[in-house]
């Protein structure tokens, strides 16, 4: 059985976190740009649909379906990017009164829970994508295959898992430090 000192454990966690950050740093901004680009595309399609409906009495067929698929990409890509930037809103009125060590431990517990949820979500999205491929699932009007969007969501959620793992390693290394 291996027993590490607190210093060695902290050092290993920080090295792992730095290595993971080095891998994720070039990838996650691209995911964020994809999400932002799809937001612009969704906006344009809605404007074009409204314009066509209002002025030419000819809406664009399938705009709702296209926007539903785009919303999948927007949601998972931007959540991953926001988590990487630590941009999610937190309300810490109660937690700020805790000791620093208690705060770090609480953050670590929350990140462990977040890690588990993102892992389960990724796994289920991959299973859904495989089922969509096998069943040839398509959208109702445009008959767009569902599986690419399930896999995009699964990949973005897997990246979210690694981002959460990165932050958890930093929190745990600080918890060991305190």
Protein backbone atom coordinates (compact mmCIF):
# COMPACT_ATOMS: atom_id res chain seq x y z
CA UNK A 1 0.00 0.00 0.00
CA UNK A 2 1.35 3.40 -0.97
CA UNK A 3 1.18 6.18 1.58
CA UNK A 4 2.00 9.67 0.43
CA UNK A 5 2.85 12.65 2.56
CA UNK A 6 0.57 15.66 2.24
CA UNK A 7 3.27 17.50 0.30
CA UNK A 8 3.76 14.64 -2.17
CA UNK A 9 0.03 14.20 -2.63
CA UNK A 10 -0.48 17.93 -3.22
CA UNK A 11 2.42 17.95 -5.67
CA UNK A 12 1.02 15.01 -7.66
CA UNK A 13 -2.45 16.57 -7.81
CA UNK A 14 -1.06 19.91 -8.97
CA UNK A 15 1.09 18.23 -11.64
CA UNK A 16 -1.93 16.27 -12.86
CA UNK A 17 -4.05 19.42 -12.91
CA UNK A 18 -1.41 21.38 -14.82
CA UNK A 19 -1.03 18.57 -17.37
CA UNK A 20 -4.81 18.34 -17.82
CA UNK A 21 -5.06 22.11 -18.14
CA UNK A 22 -2.36 22.08 -20.81
CA UNK A 23 -4.43 19.59 -22.80
CA UNK A 24 -7.78 21.34 -22.32
CA UNK A 25 -6.62 24.95 -22.80
CA UNK A 26 -6.51 24.86 -26.61
CA UNK A 27 -9.63 22.69 -26.98
CA UNK A 28 -12.21 24.34 -24.72
CA UNK A 29 -12.11 27.82 -26.32
CA UNK A 30 -12.87 26.17 -29.67
CA UNK A 31 -15.89 24.51 -28.06
CA UNK A 32 -16.96 27.94 -26.77
CA UNK A 33 -16.56 29.47 -30.23
CA UNK A 34 -18.64 26.67 -31.74
CA UNK A 35 -21.40 27.33 -29.21
CA UNK A 36 -21.27 31.08 -29.88
CA UNK A 37 -21.27 30.57 -33.64
CA UNK A 38 -24.31 28.33 -33.40
CA UNK A 39 -26.08 31.03 -31.33
CA UNK A 40 -25.51 33.46 -34.21
CA UNK A 41 -26.72 30.88 -36.72
CA UNK A 42 -29.86 30.20 -34.65
CA UNK A 43 -30.52 33.91 -34.41
CA UNK A 44 -30.20 34.34 -38.17
CA UNK A 45 -32.50 31.40 -38.90
CA UNK A 46 -35.18 32.77 -36.56
CA UNK A 47 -34.93 36.25 -38.09
CA UNK A 48 -35.11 34.79 -41.61
CA UNK A 49 -38.13 32.68 -40.64
CA UNK A 50 -39.97 35.63 -39.08
CA UNK A 51 -39.07 37.86 -42.05
CA UNK A 52 -40.26 35.24 -44.53
CA UNK A 53 -43.47 34.62 -42.62
CA UNK A 54 -44.23 38.30 -42.10
CA UNK A 55 -43.41 39.77 -45.52
CA UNK A 56 -43.74 36.86 -47.96
CA UNK A 57 -46.18 34.64 -46.06
CA UNK A 58 -43.61 31.84 -46.55
CA UNK A 59 -41.98 30.62 -43.34
CA UNK A 60 -38.89 28.46 -43.55
CA UNK A 61 -39.91 24.84 -43.16
CA UNK A 62 -38.28 23.11 -40.23
CA UNK A 63 -36.93 26.19 -38.48
CA UNK A 64 -38.17 24.92 -35.13
CA UNK A 65 -36.44 21.56 -35.61
CA UNK A 66 -33.19 23.18 -36.72
CA UNK A 67 -33.24 25.48 -33.71
CA UNK A 68 -33.93 22.57 -31.36
CA UNK A 69 -30.82 20.80 -32.67
CA UNK A 70 -28.81 24.01 -32.49
CA UNK A 71 -29.95 24.48 -28.90
CA UNK A 72 -28.35 21.15 -28.00
CA UNK A 73 -25.02 22.35 -29.36
CA UNK A 74 -25.38 25.78 -27.74
CA UNK A 75 -26.24 24.36 -24.33
CA UNK A 76 -23.54 21.75 -23.98
CA UNK A 77 -20.75 23.74 -25.62
CA UNK A 78 -21.36 26.94 -23.68
CA UNK A 79 -21.80 25.17 -20.32
CA UNK A 80 -18.43 23.49 -20.85
CA UNK A 81 -16.76 26.76 -21.84
CA UNK A 82 -18.34 28.66 -18.95
CA UNK A 83 -17.18 26.01 -16.47
CA UNK A 84 -13.65 26.21 -17.87
CA UNK A 85 -13.68 29.96 -17.22
CA UNK A 86 -15.29 29.38 -13.79
CA UNK A 87 -17.99 31.74 -14.97
CA UNK A 88 -20.98 30.11 -13.31
CA UNK A 89 -22.78 32.23 -10.75
CA UNK A 90 -22.33 31.23 -7.12
CA UNK A 91 -24.11 32.59 -4.10
CA UNK A 92 -21.94 32.21 -1.04
CA UNK A 93 -23.65 34.29 1.64
CA UNK A 94 -23.52 31.38 4.06
CA UNK A 95 -20.33 29.70 2.82
CA UNK A 96 -18.21 32.85 3.11
CA UNK A 97 -18.69 32.66 6.88
CA UNK A 98 -17.02 29.23 7.02
CA UNK A 99 -13.29 28.78 7.62
CA UNK A 100 -11.11 28.61 4.51
CA UNK A 101 -10.50 24.90 5.04
CA UNK A 102 -14.25 24.24 5.35
CA UNK A 103 -14.88 26.24 2.18
CA UNK A 104 -12.30 24.24 0.25
CA UNK A 105 -13.70 20.94 1.54
CA UNK A 106 -17.25 22.00 0.63
CA UNK A 107 -16.11 23.06 -2.84
CA UNK A 108 -14.36 19.71 -3.26
CA UNK A 109 -17.50 17.79 -2.27
CA UNK A 110 -19.57 19.85 -4.70
CA UNK A 111 -17.06 19.19 -7.48
CA UNK A 112 -17.09 15.44 -6.75
CA UNK A 113 -20.88 15.51 -7.12
CA UNK A 114 -20.56 17.59 -10.32
CA UNK A 115 -17.97 15.13 -11.63
CA UNK A 116 -20.31 12.18 -11.04
CA UNK A 117 -23.26 13.94 -12.68
CA UNK A 118 -21.22 14.94 -15.75
CA UNK A 119 -19.88 11.38 -16.07
CA UNK A 120 -23.37 9.89 -15.89
CA UNK A 121 -24.72 12.43 -18.34
CA UNK A 122 -21.89 11.74 -20.81
CA UNK A 123 -22.42 8.02 -20.56
CA UNK A 124 -26.18 8.29 -21.12
CA UNK A 125 -25.69 10.66 -24.07
CA UNK A 126 -23.31 8.18 -25.72
CA UNK A 127 -25.85 5.40 -25.17
CA UNK A 128 -28.60 7.60 -26.62
CA UNK A 129 -26.43 8.40 -29.64
CA UNK A 130 -25.76 4.71 -30.27
CA UNK A 131 -29.47 3.93 -29.93
CA UNK A 132 -30.31 6.77 -32.34
CA UNK A 133 -27.85 5.32 -34.87
CA UNK A 134 -29.25 1.79 -34.53
CA UNK A 135 -32.89 2.93 -34.72
CA UNK A 136 -32.27 5.49 -37.49
CA UNK A 137 -33.99 8.18 -35.39
CA UNK A 138 -34.73 11.36 -37.34
CA UNK A 139 -36.58 14.60 -36.78
CA UNK A 140 -40.24 14.80 -37.78
CA UNK A 141 -40.31 17.34 -40.59
CA UNK A 142 -36.83 17.58 -42.11
CA UNK A 143 -35.82 13.97 -41.30
CA UNK A 144 -32.49 15.14 -39.87
CA UNK A 145 -30.65 12.27 -38.12
CA UNK A 146 -30.57 12.75 -34.35
CA UNK A 147 -27.36 10.87 -33.61
CA UNK A 148 -24.83 13.57 -34.59
CA UNK A 149 -26.35 15.96 -32.10
CA UNK A 150 -26.41 13.32 -29.38
CA UNK A 151 -22.72 12.65 -29.97
CA UNK A 152 -21.88 16.36 -30.04
CA UNK A 153 -23.62 16.72 -26.68
CA UNK A 154 -21.82 13.61 -25.37
CA UNK A 155 -18.41 14.91 -26.47
CA UNK A 156 -19.06 18.35 -24.96
CA UNK A 157 -20.25 16.70 -21.75
CA UNK A 158 -17.12 14.51 -21.68
CA UNK A 159 -15.04 17.67 -22.00
CA UNK A 160 -17.10 19.13 -19.16
CA UNK A 161 -16.18 16.07 -17.09
CA UNK A 162 -12.48 16.75 -17.66
CA UNK A 163 -12.88 20.45 -16.88
CA UNK A 164 -14.62 19.58 -13.62
CA UNK A 165 -11.88 17.05 -12.88
CA UNK A 166 -9.30 19.77 -13.48
CA UNK A 167 -11.00 22.13 -11.03
CA UNK A 168 -11.48 19.31 -8.52
CA UNK A 169 -7.76 18.52 -8.61
CA UNK A 170 -6.97 22.15 -7.87
CA UNK A 171 -9.49 22.24 -4.99
CA UNK A 172 -8.18 18.98 -3.54
CA UNK A 173 -4.59 20.15 -3.74
CA UNK A 174 -5.62 23.28 -1.82
CA UNK A 175 -7.53 21.15 0.70
CA UNK A 176 -4.45 19.02 1.33
CA UNK A 177 -2.40 22.21 1.65
CA UNK A 178 -4.62 23.63 4.39
